[in-house]
Protein backbone atom coordinates (compact mmCIF):
# COMPACT_ATOMS: atom_id res chain seq x y z
CA VAL A 1 14.85 -11.08 8.15
CA ARG A 2 11.51 -10.59 9.98
CA LEU A 3 10.96 -7.42 11.15
CA GLN A 4 8.28 -7.95 13.80
CA HIS A 5 8.72 -4.91 15.75
CA GLY A 6 7.80 -1.53 14.52
CA ASP A 7 5.80 0.80 15.61
CA ASP A 8 2.10 1.37 13.75
CA ASN A 9 1.89 4.79 15.08
CA ILE A 10 4.75 5.24 12.99
CA ALA A 11 4.03 5.73 8.75
CA THR A 12 6.44 3.41 7.86
CA CYS A 13 6.93 1.03 10.97
CA TYR A 14 10.18 2.34 11.91
CA ASP A 15 11.71 5.78 11.96
CA ALA A 16 13.87 6.75 9.63
CA ALA A 17 16.97 5.90 11.61
CA GLY A 18 15.41 2.23 11.91
CA ILE A 19 15.16 2.27 8.11
CA VAL A 20 18.62 3.32 7.34
CA GLU A 21 20.22 0.38 9.86
CA TRP A 22 18.00 -2.34 8.24
CA ALA A 23 19.01 -1.35 4.61
CA ALA A 24 22.97 -1.53 6.26
CA ARG A 25 22.27 -4.34 7.54
CA ALA A 26 20.58 -6.28 4.84
CA LYS A 27 23.09 -4.65 2.29
CA LYS A 28 26.34 -6.10 4.50
CA TRP A 29 24.47 -9.37 4.05
CA ALA A 30 24.02 -9.18 0.53
CA SER A 31 27.87 -8.73 0.61
CA GLY A 32 28.51 -11.59 2.45
CA GLY A 33 29.67 -9.66 5.63
CA ALA A 34 27.90 -10.19 8.91
CA ALA A 35 25.62 -7.55 11.18
CA GLU A 36 28.06 -7.62 14.38
CA ASP A 37 25.22 -5.54 16.22
CA LEU A 38 23.03 -8.25 16.53
CA GLN A 39 23.51 -11.67 18.02
CA PHE A 40 24.22 -14.46 16.16
CA ALA A 41 22.10 -18.04 16.76
CA ASP A 42 25.80 -19.93 17.21
CA PRO A 43 28.46 -17.10 17.99
CA SER A 44 31.04 -19.96 17.65
CA HIS A 45 30.24 -20.12 13.73
CA LYS A 46 30.85 -17.08 11.63
CA PRO A 47 29.02 -17.63 8.01
CA ASP A 48 31.03 -17.68 4.83
CA MET A 49 31.84 -14.50 3.19
CA ILE A 50 29.77 -15.07 0.17
CA PRO A 51 27.39 -12.99 -1.51
CA ARG A 52 23.80 -14.43 -0.89
CA ASP A 53 20.16 -13.24 -1.36
CA VAL A 54 18.92 -11.55 1.32
CA PHE A 55 14.96 -11.10 1.92
CA VAL A 56 13.35 -8.72 4.78
CA PHE A 57 9.60 -8.48 5.15
CA PHE A 58 7.78 -6.20 7.53
CA ILE A 59 5.19 -7.97 9.73
CA ARG A 60 3.22 -5.98 11.90
CA GLN A 61 -0.05 -7.10 14.18
CA GLY A 62 -2.57 -4.79 11.87
CA LYS A 63 -0.28 -4.65 9.11
CA ALA A 64 -1.55 -1.59 8.09
CA ARG A 65 1.79 0.26 7.76
CA ALA A 66 3.82 -2.68 6.84
CA PRO A 67 3.81 -2.25 3.27
CA HIS A 68 4.77 1.52 3.78
CA GLY A 69 8.17 0.06 5.50
CA ALA A 70 8.42 -2.11 3.06
CA MET A 71 8.37 0.84 0.39
CA ALA A 72 10.46 2.91 2.56
CA PHE A 73 13.05 0.29 3.09
CA MET A 74 13.70 -0.39 -0.71
CA GLU A 75 13.88 3.13 -1.13
CA GLN A 76 16.92 2.91 1.41
CA VAL A 77 18.48 0.22 -0.63
CA ALA A 78 18.40 1.67 -3.81
CA THR A 79 19.98 5.00 -2.76
CA ALA A 80 22.39 3.68 -0.03
């Protein structure tokens, strides 16, 4: 996942609610589920419900806040 729509004016790229949402999606994907609130590339094809590795990247124009976003995300995944 490439998270590119954060805000450089927010210390963690995304506000707390956004970090929580992305962490919940990542945990769901890791367990084999699907994030139903996001569009599928091919809505007629549902992924197999098997555990998978999930990689999340914070990418912003200035990149100054991306590391902070990644750290906040990791903390949320660990505690959620």
